[in-house]
Amino acid sequence: MQSFHKTLGAEGEKIAAEYLTQHGLVLAARNVVTSHAELDLIALDHDDLCFVEVKTMTEQSRKEFGDPAEKVTEEKQRRITLAAAEFLAKNAHRFPDKTPRFDVVEVTFTSRKVLVHHIKDAFEAQSGFHKKKLF
């Protein structure tokens, strides 16, 4: 039996994928496992190949622990960057002339609705630790 957090996360990823496609992005892959991290969603947005980290919380958790995007720490950014590089090394032929971009989608379940917030270009690649804050 899946834990509540895994079920919530899977539902959040489904909602994020639907949101992105409704806003014109084309999903290229989901839940890509690399040796560094799992890439939640990979989507095409014109000339950008977006590596999307989905963070899902309940309204109560958000009140207690802060915004979901705050959980995308510098270490998490580094692992996502390495995973994206590994993905591109194996799949560059599928995505010629695309610029990598790192997005975060926050999904918050409230008692009445689901809130989705897409943060485009949320952080820069961390290979050289050129930091760009999420906010």
N, C-alpha and C. Protein backbone atom coordinates (compact mmCIF):
# COMPACT_ATOMS: atom_id res chain seq x y z
N MET A 1 0.84 -1.19 0.00
CA MET A 1 0.00 0.00 0.00
C MET A 1 0.88 1.25 0.00
N GLN A 2 0.57 2.20 -0.88
CA GLN A 2 1.35 3.42 -0.97
C GLN A 2 1.08 4.31 0.24
N SER A 3 2.12 5.03 0.65
CA SER A 3 1.94 5.97 1.75
C SER A 3 1.15 7.18 1.26
N PHE A 4 0.62 7.91 2.21
CA PHE A 4 -0.15 9.12 1.90
C PHE A 4 0.70 10.09 1.07
N HIS A 5 1.98 10.25 1.46
CA HIS A 5 2.85 11.21 0.77
C HIS A 5 3.13 10.80 -0.67
N LYS A 6 3.32 9.50 -0.90
CA LYS A 6 3.57 9.02 -2.27
C LYS A 6 2.31 9.20 -3.13
N THR A 7 1.16 8.89 -2.55
CA THR A 7 -0.10 9.06 -3.27
C THR A 7 -0.34 10.53 -3.58
N LEU A 8 -0.11 11.39 -2.60
CA LEU A 8 -0.28 12.83 -2.78
C LEU A 8 0.68 13.34 -3.86
N GLY A 9 1.93 12.89 -3.80
CA GLY A 9 2.92 13.30 -4.80
C GLY A 9 2.56 12.86 -6.20
N ALA A 10 2.09 11.63 -6.33
CA ALA A 10 1.70 11.12 -7.65
C ALA A 10 0.51 11.91 -8.21
N GLU A 11 -0.43 12.23 -7.36
CA GLU A 11 -1.58 13.03 -7.80
C GLU A 11 -1.12 14.44 -8.18
N GLY A 12 -0.20 15.00 -7.42
CA GLY A 12 0.33 16.32 -7.74
C GLY A 12 1.04 16.33 -9.09
N GLU A 13 1.81 15.29 -9.38
CA GLU A 13 2.50 15.20 -10.68
C GLU A 13 1.49 15.10 -11.83
N LYS A 14 0.43 14.34 -11.60
CA LYS A 14 -0.62 14.22 -12.63
C LYS A 14 -1.26 15.58 -12.90
N ILE A 15 -1.58 16.30 -11.84
CA ILE A 15 -2.20 17.62 -11.98
C ILE A 15 -1.22 18.59 -12.65
N ALA A 16 0.04 18.55 -12.26
CA ALA A 16 1.05 19.43 -12.86
C ALA A 16 1.19 19.15 -14.36
N ALA A 17 1.21 17.88 -14.74
CA ALA A 17 1.31 17.51 -16.15
C ALA A 17 0.12 18.04 -16.94
N GLU A 18 -1.07 17.90 -16.38
CA GLU A 18 -2.27 18.41 -17.05
C GLU A 18 -2.21 19.93 -17.17
N TYR A 19 -1.77 20.60 -16.12
CA TYR A 19 -1.66 22.05 -16.13
C TYR A 19 -0.68 22.51 -17.22
N LEU A 20 0.47 21.88 -17.29
CA LEU A 20 1.47 22.28 -18.28
C LEU A 20 0.96 22.08 -19.70
N THR A 21 0.32 20.95 -19.96
CA THR A 21 -0.18 20.71 -21.31
C THR A 21 -1.31 21.69 -21.65
N GLN A 22 -2.14 22.03 -20.68
CA GLN A 22 -3.20 23.01 -20.91
C GLN A 22 -2.62 24.40 -21.22
N HIS A 23 -1.38 24.63 -20.78
CA HIS A 23 -0.73 25.92 -21.02
C HIS A 23 0.30 25.85 -22.14
N GLY A 24 0.15 24.87 -23.01
CA GLY A 24 0.92 24.84 -24.25
C GLY A 24 2.21 24.06 -24.26
N LEU A 25 2.63 23.50 -23.13
CA LEU A 25 3.84 22.70 -23.13
C LEU A 25 3.51 21.29 -23.62
N VAL A 26 4.50 20.63 -24.18
CA VAL A 26 4.33 19.27 -24.68
C VAL A 26 5.16 18.34 -23.80
N LEU A 27 4.51 17.39 -23.16
CA LEU A 27 5.24 16.46 -22.30
C LEU A 27 6.08 15.52 -23.13
N ALA A 28 7.35 15.39 -22.76
CA ALA A 28 8.28 14.51 -23.45
C ALA A 28 8.55 13.25 -22.63
N ALA A 29 8.50 13.37 -21.30
CA ALA A 29 8.79 12.21 -20.44
C ALA A 29 8.29 12.50 -19.02
N ARG A 30 8.05 11.40 -18.29
CA ARG A 30 7.63 11.49 -16.89
C ARG A 30 8.44 10.51 -16.07
N ASN A 31 8.75 10.91 -14.87
CA ASN A 31 9.41 10.05 -13.89
C ASN A 31 10.64 9.33 -14.46
N VAL A 32 11.55 10.11 -15.01
CA VAL A 32 12.79 9.56 -15.57
C VAL A 32 13.78 9.36 -14.44
N VAL A 33 14.20 8.12 -14.24
CA VAL A 33 15.14 7.79 -13.18
C VAL A 33 16.54 7.78 -13.75
N THR A 34 17.44 8.54 -13.13
CA THR A 34 18.85 8.55 -13.50
C THR A 34 19.66 8.12 -12.29
N SER A 35 20.96 8.09 -12.43
CA SER A 35 21.80 7.71 -11.29
C SER A 35 21.89 8.83 -10.25
N HIS A 36 21.41 10.03 -10.59
CA HIS A 36 21.52 11.17 -9.67
C HIS A 36 20.20 11.53 -8.99
N ALA A 37 19.10 11.42 -9.73
CA ALA A 37 17.79 11.82 -9.20
C ALA A 37 16.71 11.37 -10.17
N GLU A 38 15.47 11.48 -9.71
CA GLU A 38 14.35 11.25 -10.61
C GLU A 38 13.88 12.60 -11.13
N LEU A 39 13.71 12.68 -12.43
CA LEU A 39 13.17 13.89 -13.06
C LEU A 39 11.66 13.70 -13.17
N ASP A 40 10.91 14.54 -12.48
CA ASP A 40 9.46 14.36 -12.42
C ASP A 40 8.82 14.47 -13.79
N LEU A 41 9.02 15.61 -14.44
CA LEU A 41 8.44 15.85 -15.76
C LEU A 41 9.47 16.50 -16.66
N ILE A 42 9.45 16.14 -17.92
CA ILE A 42 10.28 16.81 -18.92
C ILE A 42 9.32 17.26 -20.02
N ALA A 43 9.38 18.55 -20.35
CA ALA A 43 8.42 19.11 -21.30
C ALA A 43 9.11 20.07 -22.26
N LEU A 44 8.51 20.19 -23.43
CA LEU A 44 8.98 21.13 -24.44
C LEU A 44 8.13 22.39 -24.38
N ASP A 45 8.82 23.54 -24.34
CA ASP A 45 8.15 24.84 -24.35
C ASP A 45 8.88 25.69 -25.38
N HIS A 46 8.42 25.60 -26.61
CA HIS A 46 9.06 26.28 -27.75
C HIS A 46 10.51 25.81 -27.87
N ASP A 47 11.48 26.70 -27.64
CA ASP A 47 12.89 26.32 -27.78
C ASP A 47 13.50 25.76 -26.50
N ASP A 48 12.71 25.65 -25.45
CA ASP A 48 13.22 25.18 -24.16
C ASP A 48 12.83 23.72 -23.90
N LEU A 49 13.77 22.99 -23.34
CA LEU A 49 13.49 21.65 -22.82
C LEU A 49 13.45 21.81 -21.31
N CYS A 50 12.26 21.70 -20.75
CA CYS A 50 12.03 22.01 -19.34
C CYS A 50 12.11 20.76 -18.47
N PHE A 51 12.97 20.83 -17.48
CA PHE A 51 13.06 19.79 -16.47
C PHE A 51 12.26 20.33 -15.28
N VAL A 52 11.13 19.68 -15.01
CA VAL A 52 10.16 20.23 -14.06
C VAL A 52 10.14 19.40 -12.79
N GLU A 53 10.44 20.06 -11.68
CA GLU A 53 10.33 19.45 -10.36
C GLU A 53 8.96 19.80 -9.81
N VAL A 54 8.20 18.81 -9.42
CA VAL A 54 6.86 19.03 -8.88
C VAL A 54 6.91 18.85 -7.36
N LYS A 55 6.41 19.85 -6.66
CA LYS A 55 6.35 19.79 -5.20
C LYS A 55 4.89 19.93 -4.79
N THR A 56 4.40 18.96 -4.06
CA THR A 56 2.99 18.89 -3.68
C THR A 56 2.84 18.91 -2.17
N MET A 57 1.88 19.69 -1.69
CA MET A 57 1.61 19.77 -0.26
C MET A 57 0.11 19.96 -0.03
N THR A 58 -0.29 19.69 1.18
CA THR A 58 -1.64 20.07 1.60
C THR A 58 -1.58 21.50 2.12
N GLU A 59 -2.73 22.11 2.22
CA GLU A 59 -2.81 23.48 2.74
C GLU A 59 -2.23 23.55 4.15
N GLN A 60 -2.52 22.55 4.96
CA GLN A 60 -2.02 22.53 6.34
C GLN A 60 -0.50 22.42 6.37
N SER A 61 0.06 21.53 5.56
CA SER A 61 1.52 21.38 5.51
C SER A 61 2.18 22.67 5.05
N ARG A 62 1.56 23.32 4.11
CA ARG A 62 2.12 24.58 3.60
C ARG A 62 2.17 25.63 4.70
N LYS A 63 1.11 25.68 5.52
CA LYS A 63 1.09 26.63 6.64
C LYS A 63 2.20 26.31 7.64
N GLU A 64 2.45 25.03 7.86
CA GLU A 64 3.45 24.61 8.84
C GLU A 64 4.88 24.69 8.32
N PHE A 65 5.08 24.33 7.05
CA PHE A 65 6.44 24.15 6.54
C PHE A 65 6.85 25.11 5.44
N GLY A 66 5.96 25.97 4.98
CA GLY A 66 6.31 26.94 3.94
C GLY A 66 5.94 26.47 2.55
N ASP A 67 6.25 27.31 1.58
CA ASP A 67 5.91 27.03 0.19
C ASP A 67 6.61 25.78 -0.31
N PRO A 68 5.93 25.01 -1.16
CA PRO A 68 6.54 23.78 -1.69
C PRO A 68 7.87 24.02 -2.40
N ALA A 69 7.99 25.10 -3.15
CA ALA A 69 9.22 25.36 -3.91
C ALA A 69 10.42 25.56 -2.99
N GLU A 70 10.19 25.95 -1.75
CA GLU A 70 11.30 26.12 -0.80
C GLU A 70 11.99 24.79 -0.51
N LYS A 71 11.33 23.69 -0.83
CA LYS A 71 11.91 22.36 -0.61
C LYS A 71 12.89 21.97 -1.72
N VAL A 72 12.98 22.80 -2.76
CA VAL A 72 13.94 22.56 -3.82
C VAL A 72 15.24 23.26 -3.42
N THR A 73 15.95 22.59 -2.54
CA THR A 73 17.16 23.15 -1.95
C THR A 73 18.29 23.20 -2.98
N GLU A 74 19.37 23.83 -2.61
CA GLU A 74 20.54 23.89 -3.49
C GLU A 74 21.03 22.47 -3.81
N GLU A 75 21.02 21.58 -2.84
CA GLU A 75 21.44 20.20 -3.09
C GLU A 75 20.48 19.51 -4.06
N LYS A 76 19.20 19.73 -3.90
CA LYS A 76 18.21 19.15 -4.81
C LYS A 76 18.42 19.72 -6.22
N GLN A 77 18.68 21.00 -6.31
CA GLN A 77 18.96 21.63 -7.60
C GLN A 77 20.19 20.99 -8.26
N ARG A 78 21.21 20.74 -7.46
CA ARG A 78 22.43 20.11 -7.98
C ARG A 78 22.13 18.72 -8.53
N ARG A 79 21.35 17.93 -7.80
CA ARG A 79 21.01 16.57 -8.25
C ARG A 79 20.14 16.60 -9.51
N ILE A 80 19.21 17.55 -9.58
CA ILE A 80 18.37 17.68 -10.77
C ILE A 80 19.23 18.07 -11.97
N THR A 81 20.16 18.99 -11.76
CA THR A 81 21.06 19.41 -12.84
C THR A 81 21.87 18.22 -13.36
N LEU A 82 22.42 17.43 -12.46
CA LEU A 82 23.20 16.26 -12.87
C LEU A 82 22.32 15.24 -13.59
N ALA A 83 21.09 15.06 -13.10
CA ALA A 83 20.16 14.13 -13.75
C ALA A 83 19.80 14.62 -15.14
N ALA A 84 19.59 15.92 -15.28
CA ALA A 84 19.28 16.50 -16.59
C ALA A 84 20.44 16.31 -17.56
N ALA A 85 21.65 16.52 -17.07
CA ALA A 85 22.83 16.34 -17.92
C ALA A 85 22.94 14.89 -18.38
N GLU A 86 22.66 13.95 -17.47
CA GLU A 86 22.70 12.53 -17.82
C GLU A 86 21.62 12.21 -18.86
N PHE A 87 20.42 12.76 -18.65
CA PHE A 87 19.33 12.55 -19.60
C PHE A 87 19.71 13.09 -20.98
N LEU A 88 20.27 14.30 -21.01
CA LEU A 88 20.63 14.92 -22.29
C LEU A 88 21.76 14.16 -22.99
N ALA A 89 22.68 13.62 -22.21
CA ALA A 89 23.77 12.85 -22.82
C ALA A 89 23.23 11.63 -23.57
N LYS A 90 22.17 11.06 -23.05
CA LYS A 90 21.58 9.87 -23.68
C LYS A 90 20.53 10.22 -24.74
N ASN A 91 19.98 11.42 -24.68
CA ASN A 91 18.83 11.76 -25.54
C ASN A 91 19.01 13.04 -26.35
N ALA A 92 20.22 13.53 -26.49
CA ALA A 92 20.44 14.80 -27.20
C ALA A 92 19.90 14.75 -28.62
N HIS A 93 19.98 13.60 -29.26
CA HIS A 93 19.49 13.46 -30.64
C HIS A 93 17.99 13.70 -30.75
N ARG A 94 17.25 13.49 -29.65
CA ARG A 94 15.80 13.70 -29.66
C ARG A 94 15.41 15.17 -29.51
N PHE A 95 16.35 15.96 -28.97
CA PHE A 95 16.03 17.36 -28.64
C PHE A 95 17.11 18.31 -29.16
N PRO A 96 17.36 18.28 -30.47
CA PRO A 96 18.40 19.18 -31.00
C PRO A 96 17.95 20.64 -30.87
N ASP A 97 18.91 21.48 -30.61
CA ASP A 97 18.68 22.93 -30.55
C ASP A 97 17.71 23.36 -29.45
N LYS A 98 17.58 22.57 -28.40
CA LYS A 98 16.72 22.96 -27.28
C LYS A 98 17.60 23.46 -26.14
N THR A 99 17.14 24.49 -25.47
CA THR A 99 17.86 25.05 -24.33
C THR A 99 17.28 24.48 -23.04
N PRO A 100 18.11 23.89 -22.18
CA PRO A 100 17.59 23.36 -20.92
C PRO A 100 17.08 24.48 -20.01
N ARG A 101 15.97 24.21 -19.36
CA ARG A 101 15.39 25.14 -18.41
C ARG A 101 14.90 24.34 -17.21
N PHE A 102 15.02 24.91 -16.04
CA PHE A 102 14.63 24.22 -14.81
C PHE A 102 13.45 24.95 -14.18
N ASP A 103 12.30 24.28 -14.15
CA ASP A 103 11.06 24.85 -13.61
C ASP A 103 10.66 24.09 -12.35
N VAL A 104 9.82 24.74 -11.57
CA VAL A 104 9.19 24.10 -10.41
C VAL A 104 7.69 24.35 -10.53
N VAL A 105 6.92 23.30 -10.28
CA VAL A 105 5.46 23.46 -10.19
C VAL A 105 5.05 23.09 -8.78
N GLU A 106 4.39 24.05 -8.12
CA GLU A 106 3.85 23.83 -6.79
C GLU A 106 2.39 23.42 -6.94
N VAL A 107 2.02 22.35 -6.26
CA VAL A 107 0.62 21.92 -6.23
C VAL A 107 0.21 21.88 -4.76
N THR A 108 -0.85 22.62 -4.44
CA THR A 108 -1.33 22.67 -3.05
C THR A 108 -2.79 22.24 -3.03
N PHE A 109 -3.07 21.22 -2.24
CA PHE A 109 -4.43 20.74 -2.05
C PHE A 109 -5.04 21.47 -0.87
N THR A 110 -6.13 22.20 -1.12
CA THR A 110 -6.86 22.85 -0.05
C THR A 110 -8.16 22.07 0.16
N SER A 111 -8.94 22.50 1.12
CA SER A 111 -10.21 21.81 1.38
C SER A 111 -11.22 22.03 0.26
N ARG A 112 -11.02 23.06 -0.55
CA ARG A 112 -11.99 23.39 -1.58
C ARG A 112 -11.49 23.24 -3.01
N LYS A 113 -10.18 23.36 -3.21
CA LYS A 113 -9.67 23.31 -4.57
C LYS A 113 -8.19 22.94 -4.58
N VAL A 114 -7.67 22.84 -5.76
CA VAL A 114 -6.24 22.58 -5.94
C VAL A 114 -5.62 23.82 -6.56
N LEU A 115 -4.55 24.29 -5.93
CA LEU A 115 -3.84 25.47 -6.43
C LEU A 115 -2.57 25.01 -7.14
N VAL A 116 -2.32 25.57 -8.32
CA VAL A 116 -1.12 25.24 -9.09
C VAL A 116 -0.37 26.53 -9.39
N HIS A 117 0.93 26.50 -9.11
CA HIS A 117 1.79 27.66 -9.38
C HIS A 117 3.01 27.17 -10.14
N HIS A 118 3.15 27.64 -11.39
CA HIS A 118 4.28 27.24 -12.25
C HIS A 118 5.35 28.33 -12.19
N ILE A 119 6.53 27.96 -11.71
CA ILE A 119 7.65 28.89 -11.63
C ILE A 119 8.61 28.54 -12.76
N LYS A 120 8.55 29.33 -13.83
CA LYS A 120 9.43 29.10 -14.97
C LYS A 120 10.84 29.57 -14.62
N ASP A 121 11.83 28.82 -15.12
CA ASP A 121 13.23 29.20 -14.92
C ASP A 121 13.51 29.45 -13.44
N ALA A 122 13.07 28.50 -12.60
CA ALA A 122 13.15 28.64 -11.15
C ALA A 122 14.58 28.66 -10.63
N PHE A 123 15.47 27.95 -11.31
CA PHE A 123 16.88 27.97 -10.92
C PHE A 123 17.74 27.66 -12.12
N GLU A 124 19.02 28.01 -12.00
CA GLU A 124 19.98 27.75 -13.06
C GLU A 124 20.68 26.44 -12.78
N ALA A 125 21.29 25.88 -13.81
CA ALA A 125 22.07 24.66 -13.65
C ALA A 125 23.12 24.87 -12.56
N GLN A 126 23.28 23.88 -11.72
CA GLN A 126 24.15 24.01 -10.57
C GLN A 126 25.54 23.42 -10.77
N SER A 127 25.93 23.11 -12.00
CA SER A 127 27.24 22.51 -12.23
C SER A 127 28.34 23.40 -11.70
N GLY A 128 28.23 24.69 -11.89
CA GLY A 128 29.22 25.63 -11.38
C GLY A 128 28.70 26.37 -10.17
N PHE A 129 27.57 25.94 -9.66
CA PHE A 129 26.89 26.57 -8.54
C PHE A 129 26.69 28.06 -8.76
N HIS A 130 26.24 28.40 -9.98
CA HIS A 130 25.81 29.77 -10.26
C HIS A 130 24.41 29.88 -9.68
N LYS A 131 24.32 30.44 -8.52
CA LYS A 131 23.04 30.43 -7.81
C LYS A 131 22.08 31.47 -8.35
N LYS A 132 20.86 31.04 -8.50
CA LYS A 132 19.75 31.94 -8.79
C LYS A 132 18.65 31.53 -7.84
N LYS A 133 18.24 32.41 -7.01
CA LYS A 133 17.26 32.09 -5.99
C LYS A 133 15.90 31.75 -6.62
N LEU A 134 15.15 30.91 -5.94
CA LEU A 134 13.82 30.57 -6.40
C LEU A 134 12.88 31.76 -6.34
N PHE A 135 13.11 32.66 -5.40
CA PHE A 135 12.21 33.80 -5.24
C PHE A 135 13.01 35.08 -5.23
